[in-house]
């Protein structure tokens, strides 16, 4: 994203500080929550380094209200990256795939994926 702050804050109708926590590897963090019409986020941010340590998300459109969580650790900022680190003959020869914004409307005729357990939570 060219503007991650805007992407995170656009349409926000709730944002609040939950409070201090040390549940992520003993790292002191501050928990904040953000909600818009599409998503509810809880974010644990390192007190000393200001880096995200955990992000927990619940999507409004998810009928099962599943929690998606990602823990972030062992941050290395600005490491040296050798030229060609993300290049290979296979990647150069690969067929290009079109990507679409996951929030974009489904193409005409597309069918939704079946939900687990026949749609029952």
PDB file of N, CA and C in Angstrom:
ATOM      1  N   UNK A   1       0.839  -1.179   0.000  1.00  0.00           N
ATOM      2  CA  UNK A   1       0.000   0.000   0.000  1.00  0.00           C
ATOM      3  C   UNK A   1       0.881   1.238   0.000  1.00  0.00           C
ATOM      4  N   UNK A   2       0.514   2.181  -0.801  1.00  0.00           N
ATOM      5  CA  UNK A   2       1.322   3.398  -0.861  1.00  0.00           C
ATOM      6  C   UNK A   2       1.106   4.277   0.367  1.00  0.00           C
ATOM      7  N   UNK A   3      -0.061   4.162   1.024  1.00  0.00           N
ATOM      8  CA  UNK A   3      -0.341   4.967   2.213  1.00  0.00           C
ATOM      9  C   UNK A   3      -0.988   4.074   3.276  1.00  0.00           C
ATOM     10  N   UNK A   4      -0.185   3.287   4.031  1.00  0.00           N
ATOM     11  CA  UNK A   4      -0.761   2.348   4.995  1.00  0.00           C
ATOM     12  C   UNK A   4      -1.579   3.033   6.093  1.00  0.00           C
ATOM     13  N   UNK A   5      -1.162   4.227   6.520  1.00  0.00           N
ATOM     14  CA  UNK A   5      -1.928   4.928   7.561  1.00  0.00           C
ATOM     15  C   UNK A   5      -3.342   5.223   7.073  1.00  0.00           C
ATOM     16  N   UNK A   6      -3.443   5.720   5.849  1.00  0.00           N
ATOM     17  CA  UNK A   6      -4.774   6.017   5.298  1.00  0.00           C
ATOM     18  C   UNK A   6      -5.600   4.736   5.159  1.00  0.00           C
ATOM     19  N   UNK A   7      -4.978   3.666   4.682  1.00  0.00           N
ATOM     20  CA  UNK A   7      -5.689   2.395   4.530  1.00  0.00           C
ATOM     21  C   UNK A   7      -6.204   1.895   5.875  1.00  0.00           C
ATOM     22  N   UNK A   8      -5.442   2.115   6.929  1.00  0.00           N
ATOM     23  CA  UNK A   8      -5.829   1.654   8.261  1.00  0.00           C
ATOM     24  C   UNK A   8      -6.899   2.530   8.899  1.00  0.00           C
ATOM     25  N   UNK A   9      -6.885   3.831   8.605  1.00  0.00           N
ATOM     26  CA  UNK A   9      -7.782   4.757   9.296  1.00  0.00           C
ATOM     27  C   UNK A   9      -8.993   5.196   8.482  1.00  0.00           C
ATOM     28  N   UNK A  10      -9.017   4.933   7.192  1.00  0.00           N
ATOM     29  CA  UNK A  10     -10.153   5.336   6.354  1.00  0.00           C
ATOM     30  C   UNK A  10     -11.437   4.662   6.831  1.00  0.00           C
ATOM     31  N   UNK A  11     -12.459   5.438   7.121  1.00  0.00           N
ATOM     32  CA  UNK A  11     -13.753   4.890   7.521  1.00  0.00           C
ATOM     33  C   UNK A  11     -13.833   4.408   8.959  1.00  0.00           C
ATOM     34  N   UNK A  12     -12.810   4.674   9.766  1.00  0.00           N
ATOM     35  CA  UNK A  12     -12.818   4.226  11.166  1.00  0.00           C
ATOM     36  C   UNK A  12     -13.921   4.946  11.934  1.00  0.00           C
ATOM     37  N   UNK A  13     -14.740   4.172  12.660  1.00  0.00           N
ATOM     38  CA  UNK A  13     -15.748   4.802  13.507  1.00  0.00           C
ATOM     39  C   UNK A  13     -15.508   4.526  14.986  1.00  0.00           C
ATOM     40  N   UNK A  14     -14.601   3.609  15.311  1.00  0.00           N
ATOM     41  CA  UNK A  14     -14.177   3.380  16.693  1.00  0.00           C
ATOM     42  C   UNK A  14     -12.667   3.184  16.698  1.00  0.00           C
ATOM     43  N   UNK A  15     -11.989   3.848  17.624  1.00  0.00           N
ATOM     44  CA  UNK A  15     -10.568   3.636  17.860  1.00  0.00           C
ATOM     45  C   UNK A  15     -10.323   3.974  19.319  1.00  0.00           C
ATOM     46  N   UNK A  16      -9.723   3.045  20.039  1.00  0.00           N
ATOM     47  CA  UNK A  16      -9.486   3.315  21.449  1.00  0.00           C
ATOM     48  C   UNK A  16      -8.301   2.499  21.963  1.00  0.00           C
ATOM     49  N   UNK A  17      -7.727   2.971  23.055  1.00  0.00           N
ATOM     50  CA  UNK A  17      -6.621   2.295  23.730  1.00  0.00           C
ATOM     51  C   UNK A  17      -7.214   1.290  24.703  1.00  0.00           C
ATOM     52  N   UNK A  18      -6.769   0.045  24.611  1.00  0.00           N
ATOM     53  CA  UNK A  18      -7.225  -0.981  25.544  1.00  0.00           C
ATOM     54  C   UNK A  18      -6.362  -0.945  26.795  1.00  0.00           C
ATOM     55  N   UNK A  19      -5.029  -0.850  26.614  1.00  0.00           N
ATOM     56  CA  UNK A  19      -4.143  -0.749  27.768  1.00  0.00           C
ATOM     57  C   UNK A  19      -2.880  -1.554  27.606  1.00  0.00           C
ATOM     58  N   UNK A  20      -2.064  -1.595  28.667  1.00  0.00           N
ATOM     59  CA  UNK A  20      -0.777  -2.283  28.607  1.00  0.00           C
ATOM     60  C   UNK A  20      -0.942  -3.798  28.643  1.00  0.00           C
ATOM     61  N   UNK A  21       0.049  -4.486  28.079  1.00  0.00           N
ATOM     62  CA  UNK A  21       0.057  -5.944  28.048  1.00  0.00           C
ATOM     63  C   UNK A  21       1.493  -6.413  27.963  1.00  0.00           C
ATOM     64  N   UNK A  22       1.752  -7.628  28.448  1.00  0.00           N
ATOM     65  CA  UNK A  22       3.071  -8.242  28.310  1.00  0.00           C
ATOM     66  C   UNK A  22       2.911  -9.716  27.940  1.00  0.00           C
ATOM     67  N   UNK A  23       1.865 -10.047  27.194  1.00  0.00           N
ATOM     68  CA  UNK A  23       1.578 -11.448  26.865  1.00  0.00           C
ATOM     69  C   UNK A  23       2.356 -11.947  25.657  1.00  0.00           C
ATOM     70  N   UNK A  24       3.021 -11.080  24.918  1.00  0.00           N
ATOM     71  CA  UNK A  24       3.726 -11.488  23.701  1.00  0.00           C
ATOM     72  C   UNK A  24       5.210 -11.563  23.993  1.00  0.00           C
ATOM     73  N   UNK A  25       5.663 -12.730  24.390  1.00  0.00           N
ATOM     74  CA  UNK A  25       7.078 -12.951  24.669  1.00  0.00           C
ATOM     75  C   UNK A  25       7.646 -12.052  25.747  1.00  0.00           C
ATOM     76  N   UNK A  26       6.811 -11.586  26.651  1.00  0.00           N
ATOM     77  CA  UNK A  26       7.278 -10.717  27.725  1.00  0.00           C
ATOM     78  C   UNK A  26       7.601  -9.301  27.289  1.00  0.00           C
ATOM     79  N   UNK A  27       7.342  -8.965  26.014  1.00  0.00           N
ATOM     80  CA  UNK A  27       7.608  -7.615  25.506  1.00  0.00           C
ATOM     81  C   UNK A  27       6.494  -6.686  25.986  1.00  0.00           C
ATOM     82  N   UNK A  28       6.841  -5.572  26.638  1.00  0.00           N
ATOM     83  CA  UNK A  28       5.795  -4.629  27.035  1.00  0.00           C
ATOM     84  C   UNK A  28       5.140  -4.006  25.799  1.00  0.00           C
ATOM     85  N   UNK A  29       3.824  -4.083  25.741  1.00  0.00           N
ATOM     86  CA  UNK A  29       3.080  -3.542  24.605  1.00  0.00           C
ATOM     87  C   UNK A  29       1.906  -2.726  25.092  1.00  0.00           C
ATOM     88  N   UNK A  30       1.380  -1.927  24.187  1.00  0.00           N
ATOM     89  CA  UNK A  30       0.111  -1.216  24.382  1.00  0.00           C
ATOM     90  C   UNK A  30      -0.871  -1.804  23.382  1.00  0.00           C
ATOM     91  N   UNK A  31      -2.072  -2.091  23.835  1.00  0.00           N
ATOM     92  CA  UNK A  31      -3.102  -2.636  22.955  1.00  0.00           C
ATOM     93  C   UNK A  31      -4.039  -1.513  22.521  1.00  0.00           C
ATOM     94  N   UNK A  32      -4.334  -1.495  21.228  1.00  0.00           N
ATOM     95  CA  UNK A  32      -5.316  -0.556  20.698  1.00  0.00           C
ATOM     96  C   UNK A  32      -6.318  -1.340  19.856  1.00  0.00           C
ATOM     97  N   UNK A  33      -7.504  -0.781  19.702  1.00  0.00           N
ATOM     98  CA  UNK A  33      -8.536  -1.399  18.875  1.00  0.00           C
ATOM     99  C   UNK A  33      -9.027  -0.378  17.866  1.00  0.00           C
ATOM    100  N   UNK A  34      -9.322  -0.858  16.672  1.00  0.00           N
ATOM    101  CA  UNK A  34      -9.799  -0.011  15.579  1.00  0.00           C
ATOM    102  C   UNK A  34     -10.926  -0.771  14.883  1.00  0.00           C
ATOM    103  N   UNK A  35     -12.000  -0.069  14.546  1.00  0.00           N
ATOM    104  CA  UNK A  35     -13.096  -0.719  13.826  1.00  0.00           C
ATOM    105  C   UNK A  35     -13.621   0.195  12.734  1.00  0.00           C
ATOM    106  N   UNK A  36     -13.924  -0.427  11.583  1.00  0.00           N
ATOM    107  CA  UNK A  36     -14.656   0.262  10.523  1.00  0.00           C
ATOM    108  C   UNK A  36     -15.767  -0.680  10.073  1.00  0.00           C
ATOM    109  N   UNK A  37     -16.452  -0.370   9.004  1.00  0.00           N
ATOM    110  CA  UNK A  37     -17.591  -1.194   8.600  1.00  0.00           C
ATOM    111  C   UNK A  37     -17.184  -2.594   8.155  1.00  0.00           C
ATOM    112  N   UNK A  38     -15.920  -2.806   7.831  1.00  0.00           N
ATOM    113  CA  UNK A  38     -15.463  -4.085   7.308  1.00  0.00           C
ATOM    114  C   UNK A  38     -14.709  -4.958   8.301  1.00  0.00           C
ATOM    115  N   UNK A  39     -14.077  -4.348   9.307  1.00  0.00           N
ATOM    116  CA  UNK A  39     -13.135  -5.105  10.129  1.00  0.00           C
ATOM    117  C   UNK A  39     -13.043  -4.542  11.544  1.00  0.00           C
ATOM    118  N   UNK A  40     -12.759  -5.442  12.501  1.00  0.00           N
ATOM    119  CA  UNK A  40     -12.423  -5.054  13.868  1.00  0.00           C
ATOM    120  C   UNK A  40     -11.004  -5.543  14.115  1.00  0.00           C
ATOM    121  N   UNK A  41     -10.085  -4.635  14.451  1.00  0.00           N
ATOM    122  CA  UNK A  41      -8.668  -4.942  14.667  1.00  0.00           C
ATOM    123  C   UNK A  41      -8.279  -4.713  16.115  1.00  0.00           C
ATOM    124  N   UNK A  42      -7.479  -5.607  16.654  1.00  0.00           N
ATOM    125  CA  UNK A  42      -6.770  -5.365  17.901  1.00  0.00           C
ATOM    126  C   UNK A  42      -5.293  -5.427  17.543  1.00  0.00           C
ATOM    127  N   UNK A  43      -4.529  -4.434  17.988  1.00  0.00           N
ATOM    128  CA  UNK A  43      -3.114  -4.370  17.648  1.00  0.00           C
ATOM    129  C   UNK A  43      -2.307  -4.166  18.934  1.00  0.00           C
ATOM    130  N   UNK A  44      -1.287  -5.004  19.104  1.00  0.00           N
ATOM    131  CA  UNK A  44      -0.352  -4.877  20.211  1.00  0.00           C
ATOM    132  C   UNK A  44       0.897  -4.198  19.657  1.00  0.00           C
ATOM    133  N   UNK A  45       1.271  -3.048  20.224  1.00  0.00           N
ATOM    134  CA  UNK A  45       2.402  -2.266  19.723  1.00  0.00           C
ATOM    135  C   UNK A  45       3.466  -2.185  20.814  1.00  0.00           C
ATOM    136  N   UNK A  46       4.721  -2.510  20.455  1.00  0.00           N
ATOM    137  CA  UNK A  46       5.821  -2.479  21.426  1.00  0.00           C
ATOM    138  C   UNK A  46       5.990  -1.099  22.035  1.00  0.00           C
ATOM    139  N   UNK A  47       6.072  -1.052  23.360  1.00  0.00           N
ATOM    140  CA  UNK A  47       6.219   0.227  24.068  1.00  0.00           C
ATOM    141  C   UNK A  47       7.547   0.887  23.715  1.00  0.00           C
ATOM    142  N   UNK A  48       8.618   0.121  23.690  1.00  0.00           N
ATOM    143  CA  UNK A  48       9.945   0.705  23.483  1.00  0.00           C
ATOM    144  C   UNK A  48      10.286   0.923  22.016  1.00  0.00           C
ATOM    145  N   UNK A  49       9.921  -0.026  21.151  1.00  0.00           N
ATOM    146  CA  UNK A  49      10.332   0.083  19.747  1.00  0.00           C
ATOM    147  C   UNK A  49       9.219   0.549  18.807  1.00  0.00           C
ATOM    148  N   UNK A  50       7.985   0.627  19.301  1.00  0.00           N
ATOM    149  CA  UNK A  50       6.828   1.102  18.511  1.00  0.00           C
ATOM    150  C   UNK A  50       6.518   0.203  17.316  1.00  0.00           C
ATOM    151  N   UNK A  51       6.931  -1.060  17.369  1.00  0.00           N
ATOM    152  CA  UNK A  51       6.677  -2.005  16.279  1.00  0.00           C
ATOM    153  C   UNK A  51       5.470  -2.874  16.618  1.00  0.00           C
ATOM    154  N   UNK A  52       4.673  -3.228  15.621  1.00  0.00           N
ATOM    155  CA  UNK A  52       3.540  -4.117  15.892  1.00  0.00           C
ATOM    156  C   UNK A  52       4.041  -5.501  16.309  1.00  0.00           C
ATOM    157  N   UNK A  53       3.435  -6.072  17.323  1.00  0.00           N
ATOM    158  CA  UNK A  53       3.842  -7.377  17.836  1.00  0.00           C
ATOM    159  C   UNK A  53       2.769  -8.447  17.618  1.00  0.00           C
ATOM    160  N   UNK A  54       1.504  -8.020  17.578  1.00  0.00           N
ATOM    161  CA  UNK A  54       0.403  -8.950  17.296  1.00  0.00           C
ATOM    162  C   UNK A  54      -0.721  -8.139  16.666  1.00  0.00           C
ATOM    163  N   UNK A  55      -1.380  -8.770  15.691  1.00  0.00           N
ATOM    164  CA  UNK A  55      -2.565  -8.173  15.077  1.00  0.00           C
ATOM    165  C   UNK A  55      -3.635  -9.250  15.060  1.00  0.00           C
ATOM    166  N   UNK A  56      -4.800  -8.928  15.587  1.00  0.00           N
ATOM    167  CA  UNK A  56      -5.933  -9.857  15.598  1.00  0.00           C
ATOM    168  C   UNK A  56      -7.083  -9.178  14.859  1.00  0.00           C
ATOM    169  N   UNK A  57      -7.693  -9.903  13.933  1.00  0.00           N
ATOM    170  CA  UNK A  57      -8.709  -9.327  13.054  1.00  0.00           C
ATOM    171  C   UNK A  57      -9.962 -10.197  13.039  1.00  0.00           C
ATOM    172  N   UNK A  58     -11.129  -9.556  13.052  1.00  0.00           N
ATOM    173  CA  UNK A  58     -12.402 -10.220  12.782  1.00  0.00           C
ATOM    174  C   UNK A  58     -13.067  -9.413  11.670  1.00  0.00           C
ATOM    175  N   UNK A  59     -13.426 -10.095  10.579  1.00  0.00           N
ATOM    176  CA  UNK A  59     -14.051  -9.442   9.431  1.00  0.00           C
ATOM    177  C   UNK A  59     -15.565  -9.427   9.588  1.00  0.00           C
ATOM    178  N   UNK A  60     -16.188  -8.274   9.355  1.00  0.00           N
ATOM    179  CA  UNK A  60     -17.634  -8.121   9.516  1.00  0.00           C
ATOM    180  C   UNK A  60     -18.410  -9.051   8.588  1.00  0.00           C
ATOM    181  N   UNK A  61     -17.919  -9.304   7.401  1.00  0.00           N
ATOM    182  CA  UNK A  61     -18.639 -10.142   6.435  1.00  0.00           C
ATOM    183  C   UNK A  61     -18.497 -11.636   6.727  1.00  0.00           C
ATOM    184  N   UNK A  62     -17.644 -12.009   7.660  1.00  0.00           N
ATOM    185  CA  UNK A  62     -17.438 -13.423   7.981  1.00  0.00           C
ATOM    186  C   UNK A  62     -18.560 -13.899   8.899  1.00  0.00           C
ATOM    187  N   UNK A  63     -19.444 -14.713   8.357  1.00  0.00           N
ATOM    188  CA  UNK A  63     -20.595 -15.189   9.138  1.00  0.00           C
ATOM    189  C   UNK A  63     -20.163 -16.001  10.357  1.00  0.00           C
ATOM    190  N   UNK A  64     -19.010 -16.646  10.288  1.00  0.00           N
ATOM    191  CA  UNK A  64     -18.526 -17.452  11.408  1.00  0.00           C
ATOM    192  C   UNK A  64     -17.772 -16.624  12.444  1.00  0.00           C
ATOM    193  N   UNK A  65     -17.468 -15.379  12.121  1.00  0.00           N
ATOM    194  CA  UNK A  65     -16.739 -14.460  13.009  1.00  0.00           C
ATOM    195  C   UNK A  65     -15.424 -15.063  13.502  1.00  0.00           C
ATOM    196  N   UNK A  66     -14.693 -15.699  12.572  1.00  0.00           N
ATOM    197  CA  UNK A  66     -13.412 -16.296  12.918  1.00  0.00           C
ATOM    198  C   UNK A  66     -12.395 -15.219  13.259  1.00  0.00           C
ATOM    199  N   UNK A  67     -11.527 -15.499  14.203  1.00  0.00           N
ATOM    200  CA  UNK A  67     -10.445 -14.575  14.566  1.00  0.00           C
ATOM    201  C   UNK A  67      -9.201 -14.974  13.792  1.00  0.00           C
ATOM    202  N   UNK A  68      -8.616 -13.996  13.128  1.00  0.00           N
ATOM    203  CA  UNK A  68      -7.363 -14.206  12.402  1.00  0.00           C
ATOM    204  C   UNK A  68      -6.285 -13.485  13.194  1.00  0.00           C
ATOM    205  N   UNK A  69      -5.203 -14.170  13.488  1.00  0.00           N
ATOM    206  CA  UNK A  69      -4.159 -13.580  14.320  1.00  0.00           C
ATOM    207  C   UNK A  69      -2.792 -13.786  13.699  1.00  0.00           C
ATOM    208  N   UNK A  70      -1.973 -12.749  13.790  1.00  0.00           N
ATOM    209  CA  UNK A  70      -0.604 -12.823  13.299  1.00  0.00           C
ATOM    210  C   UNK A  70       0.317 -12.249  14.373  1.00  0.00           C
ATOM    211  N   UNK A  71       1.308 -13.035  14.782  1.00  0.00           N
ATOM    212  CA  UNK A  71       2.321 -12.559  15.716  1.00  0.00           C
ATOM    213  C   UNK A  71       3.562 -12.163  14.932  1.00  0.00           C
ATOM    214  N   UNK A  72       4.168 -11.049  15.313  1.00  0.00           N
ATOM    215  CA  UNK A  72       5.344 -10.512  14.637  1.00  0.00           C
ATOM    216  C   UNK A  72       6.477 -10.434  15.658  1.00  0.00           C
ATOM    217  N   UNK A  73       7.638 -11.003  15.305  1.00  0.00           N
ATOM    218  CA  UNK A  73       8.765 -10.986  16.241  1.00  0.00           C
ATOM    219  C   UNK A  73      10.079 -10.968  15.466  1.00  0.00           C
ATOM    220  N   UNK A  74      11.157 -10.875  16.206  1.00  0.00           N
ATOM    221  CA  UNK A  74      12.506 -10.896  15.622  1.00  0.00           C
ATOM    222  C   UNK A  74      12.652  -9.872  14.492  1.00  0.00           C
ATOM    223  N   UNK A  75      12.196  -8.659  14.755  1.00  0.00           N
ATOM    224  CA  UNK A  75      12.273  -7.599  13.756  1.00  0.00           C
ATOM    225  C   UNK A  75      13.724  -7.310  13.407  1.00  0.00           C
ATOM    226  N   UNK A  76      14.015  -7.197  12.134  1.00  0.00           N
ATOM    227  CA  UNK A  76      15.302  -6.727  11.635  1.00  0.00           C
ATOM    228  C   UNK A  76      14.983  -5.639  10.620  1.00  0.00           C
ATOM    229  N   UNK A  77      15.224  -4.416  10.996  1.00  0.00           N
ATOM    230  CA  UNK A  77      14.890  -3.284  10.133  1.00  0.00           C
ATOM    231  C   UNK A  77      16.066  -2.949   9.228  1.00  0.00           C
ATOM    232  N   UNK A  78      15.783  -2.730   7.966  1.00  0.00           N
ATOM    233  CA  UNK A  78      16.781  -2.349   6.970  1.00  0.00           C
ATOM    234  C   UNK A  78      17.968  -3.316   6.875  1.00  0.00           C
ATOM    235  N   UNK A  79      17.711  -4.626   6.750  1.00  0.00           N
ATOM    236  CA  UNK A  79      18.844  -5.547   6.596  1.00  0.00           C
ATOM    237  C   UNK A  79      19.446  -5.410   5.199  1.00  0.00           C
ATOM    238  N   UNK A  80      20.698  -5.765   5.045  1.00  0.00           N
ATOM    239  CA  UNK A  80      21.268  -5.743   3.692  1.00  0.00           C
ATOM    240  C   UNK A  80      20.633  -6.864   2.858  1.00  0.00           C
ATOM    241  N   UNK A  81      20.183  -6.532   1.658  1.00  0.00           N
ATOM    242  CA  UNK A  81      19.563  -7.509   0.766  1.00  0.00           C
ATOM    243  C   UNK A  81      20.382  -7.552  -0.510  1.00  0.00           C
ATOM    244  N   UNK A  82      20.949  -8.715  -0.817  1.00  0.00           N
ATOM    245  CA  UNK A  82      21.786  -8.806  -2.022  1.00  0.00           C
ATOM    246  C   UNK A  82      20.943  -8.649  -3.288  1.00  0.00           C
ATOM    247  N   UNK A  83      21.561  -8.078  -4.314  1.00  0.00           N
ATOM    248  CA  UNK A  83      20.887  -7.944  -5.610  1.00  0.00           C
ATOM    249  C   UNK A  83      20.482  -9.328  -6.092  1.00  0.00           C
ATOM    250  N   UNK A  84      19.297  -9.437  -6.624  1.00  0.00           N
ATOM    251  CA  UNK A  84      18.816 -10.711  -7.148  1.00  0.00           C
ATOM    252  C   UNK A  84      18.234 -11.641  -6.098  1.00  0.00           C
ATOM    253  N   UNK A  85      18.086 -11.195  -4.857  1.00  0.00           N
ATOM    254  CA  UNK A  85      17.563 -12.055  -3.799  1.00  0.00           C
ATOM    255  C   UNK A  85      16.149 -12.545  -4.113  1.00  0.00           C
ATOM    256  N   UNK A  86      15.380 -11.767  -4.852  1.00  0.00           N
ATOM    257  CA  UNK A  86      14.007 -12.137  -5.162  1.00  0.00           C
ATOM    258  C   UNK A  86      13.846 -12.443  -6.644  1.00  0.00           C
ATOM    259  N   UNK A  87      14.877 -12.969  -7.254  1.00  0.00           N
ATOM    260  CA  UNK A  87      14.853 -13.263  -8.680  1.00  0.00           C
ATOM    261  C   UNK A  87      15.280 -14.715  -8.890  1.00  0.00           C
ATOM    262  N   UNK A  88      14.681 -15.343  -9.867  1.00  0.00           N
ATOM    263  CA  UNK A  88      15.086 -16.700 -10.232  1.00  0.00           C
ATOM    264  C   UNK A  88      14.636 -16.956 -11.666  1.00  0.00           C
ATOM    265  N   UNK A  89      15.256 -17.918 -12.333  1.00  0.00           N
ATOM    266  CA  UNK A  89      14.797 -18.245 -13.689  1.00  0.00           C
ATOM    267  C   UNK A  89      13.329 -18.681 -13.697  1.00  0.00           C
ATOM    268  N   UNK A  90      12.911 -19.414 -12.667  1.00  0.00           N
ATOM    269  CA  UNK A  90      11.518 -19.855 -12.596  1.00  0.00           C
ATOM    270  C   UNK A  90      10.572 -18.662 -12.473  1.00  0.00           C
ATOM    271  N   UNK A  91      10.940 -17.682 -11.654  1.00  0.00           N
ATOM    272  CA  UNK A  91      10.081 -16.502 -11.488  1.00  0.00           C
ATOM    273  C   UNK A  91       9.999 -15.708 -12.787  1.00  0.00           C
ATOM    274  N   UNK A  92      11.108 -15.562 -13.477  1.00  0.00           N
ATOM    275  CA  UNK A  92      11.097 -14.818 -14.746  1.00  0.00           C
ATOM    276  C   UNK A  92      10.258 -15.518 -15.805  1.00  0.00           C
ATOM    277  N   UNK A  93      10.213 -16.857 -15.780  1.00  0.00           N
ATOM    278  CA  UNK A  93       9.469 -17.623 -16.784  1.00  0.00           C
ATOM    279  C   UNK A  93       8.006 -17.858 -16.388  1.00  0.00           C
ATOM    280  N   UNK A  94       7.628 -17.499 -15.181  1.00  0.00           N
ATOM    281  CA  UNK A  94       6.265 -17.787 -14.709  1.00  0.00           C
ATOM    282  C   UNK A  94       5.218 -16.959 -15.455  1.00  0.00           C
ATOM    283  N   UNK A  95       4.036 -17.559 -15.587  1.00  0.00           N
ATOM    284  CA  UNK A  95       2.906 -16.856 -16.203  1.00  0.00           C
ATOM    285  C   UNK A  95       2.379 -15.810 -15.222  1.00  0.00           C
ATOM    286  N   UNK A  96       2.108 -14.627 -15.718  1.00  0.00           N
ATOM    287  CA  UNK A  96       1.587 -13.553 -14.877  1.00  0.00           C
ATOM    288  C   UNK A  96       0.166 -13.868 -14.436  1.00  0.00           C
ATOM    289  N   UNK A  97      -0.154 -13.578 -13.176  1.00  0.00           N
ATOM    290  CA  UNK A  97      -1.501 -13.788 -12.642  1.00  0.00           C
ATOM    291  C   UNK A  97      -2.115 -12.430 -12.329  1.00  0.00           C
ATOM    292  N   UNK A  98      -3.355 -12.207 -12.736  1.00  0.00           N
ATOM    293  CA  UNK A  98      -4.002 -10.944 -12.357  1.00  0.00           C
ATOM    294  C   UNK A  98      -4.419 -11.003 -10.881  1.00  0.00           C
ATOM    295  N   UNK A  99      -4.210  -9.922 -10.182  1.00  0.00           N
ATOM    296  CA  UNK A  99      -4.630  -9.836  -8.793  1.00  0.00           C
ATOM    297  C   UNK A  99      -5.707  -8.775  -8.675  1.00  0.00           C
ATOM    298  N   UNK A 100      -6.652  -8.997  -7.787  1.00  0.00           N
ATOM    299  CA  UNK A 100      -7.761  -8.074  -7.585  1.00  0.00           C
ATOM    300  C   UNK A 100      -7.868  -7.759  -6.102  1.00  0.00           C
ATOM    301  N   UNK A 101      -8.303  -6.567  -5.795  1.00  0.00           N
ATOM    302  CA  UNK A 101      -8.542  -6.165  -4.425  1.00  0.00           C
ATOM    303  C   UNK A 101      -9.555  -7.125  -3.807  1.00  0.00           C
ATOM    304  N   UNK A 102      -9.259  -7.731  -2.628  1.00  0.00           N
ATOM    305  CA  UNK A 102     -10.193  -8.688  -2.039  1.00  0.00           C
ATOM    306  C   UNK A 102     -11.533  -8.056  -1.655  1.00  0.00           C
ATOM    307  N   UNK A 103     -11.579  -6.738  -1.520  1.00  0.00           N
ATOM    308  CA  UNK A 103     -12.830  -6.069  -1.185  1.00  0.00           C
ATOM    309  C   UNK A 103     -13.649  -5.683  -2.404  1.00  0.00           C
ATOM    310  N   UNK A 104     -13.113  -5.920  -3.598  1.00  0.00           N
ATOM    311  CA  UNK A 104     -13.823  -5.551  -4.831  1.00  0.00           C
ATOM    312  C   UNK A 104     -15.007  -6.487  -5.053  1.00  0.00           C
ATOM    313  N   UNK A 105     -16.037  -6.012  -5.751  1.00  0.00           N
ATOM    314  CA  UNK A 105     -17.182  -6.884  -6.034  1.00  0.00           C
ATOM    315  C   UNK A 105     -16.750  -8.096  -6.849  1.00  0.00           C
ATOM    316  N   UNK A 106     -17.426  -9.212  -6.619  1.00  0.00           N
ATOM    317  CA  UNK A 106     -17.122 -10.445  -7.344  1.00  0.00           C
ATOM    318  C   UNK A 106     -17.499 -10.283  -8.807  1.00  0.00           C
ATOM    319  N   UNK A 107     -16.735 -10.896  -9.712  1.00  0.00           N
ATOM    320  CA  UNK A 107     -17.070 -10.819 -11.131  1.00  0.00           C
ATOM    321  C   UNK A 107     -18.432 -11.469 -11.398  1.00  0.00           C
ATOM    322  N   UNK A 108     -19.080 -11.044 -12.465  1.00  0.00           N
ATOM    323  CA  UNK A 108     -20.383 -11.595 -12.833  1.00  0.00           C
ATOM    324  C   UNK A 108     -20.260 -13.107 -13.005  1.00  0.00           C
ATOM    325  N   UNK A 109     -21.199 -13.842 -12.447  1.00  0.00           N
ATOM    326  CA  UNK A 109     -21.220 -15.289 -12.582  1.00  0.00           C
ATOM    327  C   UNK A 109     -20.378 -16.031 -11.556  1.00  0.00           C
ATOM    328  N   UNK A 110     -19.633 -15.318 -10.715  1.00  0.00           N
ATOM    329  CA  UNK A 110     -18.801 -15.980  -9.707  1.00  0.00           C
ATOM    330  C   UNK A 110     -19.676 -16.543  -8.603  1.00  0.00           C
ATOM    331  N   UNK A 111     -19.311 -17.719  -8.123  1.00  0.00           N
ATOM    332  CA  UNK A 111     -20.049 -18.339  -7.029  1.00  0.00           C
ATOM    333  C   UNK A 111     -19.216 -18.247  -5.761  1.00  0.00           C
ATOM    334  N   UNK A 112     -19.843 -17.998  -4.601  1.00  0.00           N
ATOM    335  CA  UNK A 112     -19.078 -17.925  -3.348  1.00  0.00           C
ATOM    336  C   UNK A 112     -18.539 -19.299  -2.968  1.00  0.00           C
ATOM    337  N   UNK A 113     -17.431 -19.309  -2.241  1.00  0.00           N
ATOM    338  CA  UNK A 113     -16.883 -20.564  -1.724  1.00  0.00           C
ATOM    339  C   UNK A 113     -17.848 -21.138  -0.706  1.00  0.00           C
ATOM    340  N   UNK A 114     -18.023 -22.452  -0.690  1.00  0.00           N
ATOM    341  CA  UNK A 114     -18.906 -23.032   0.330  1.00  0.00           C
ATOM    342  C   UNK A 114     -18.276 -22.850   1.694  1.00  0.00           C
ATOM    343  N   UNK A 115     -19.093 -22.564   2.699  1.00  0.00           N
ATOM    344  CA  UNK A 115     -18.558 -22.376   4.048  1.00  0.00           C
ATOM    345  C   UNK A 115     -18.386 -23.739   4.718  1.00  0.00           C
ATOM    346  N   UNK A 116     -17.489 -23.831   5.709  1.00  0.00           N
ATOM    347  CA  UNK A 116     -17.283 -25.101   6.397  1.00  0.00           C
ATOM    348  C   UNK A 116     -18.555 -25.533   7.118  1.00  0.00           C
ATOM    349  N   UNK A 117     -18.715 -26.796   7.319  1.00  0.00           N
ATOM    350  CA  UNK A 117     -19.838 -27.381   8.053  1.00  0.00           C
ATOM    351  C   UNK A 117     -21.178 -26.990   7.448  1.00  0.00           C
ATOM    352  N   UNK A 118     -21.204 -26.799   6.131  1.00  0.00           N
ATOM    353  CA  UNK A 118     -22.475 -26.493   5.485  1.00  0.00           C
ATOM    354  C   UNK A 118     -23.065 -25.155   5.883  1.00  0.00           C
ATOM    355  N   UNK A 119     -22.224 -24.221   6.320  1.00  0.00           N
ATOM    356  CA  UNK A 119     -22.704 -22.886   6.682  1.00  0.00           C
ATOM    357  C   UNK A 119     -23.120 -22.763   8.127  1.00  0.00           C
ATOM    358  N   UNK A 120     -22.972 -23.844   8.908  1.00  0.00           N
ATOM    359  CA  UNK A 120     -23.339 -23.777  10.319  1.00  0.00           C
ATOM    360  C   UNK A 120     -22.128 -23.433  11.154  1.00  0.00           C
ATOM    361  N   UNK A 121     -22.257 -22.465  12.084  1.00  0.00           N
ATOM    362  CA  UNK A 121     -21.124 -22.149  12.964  1.00  0.00           C
ATOM    363  C   UNK A 121     -20.830 -23.257  13.940  1.00  0.00           C
TER     364      UNK A 121
END
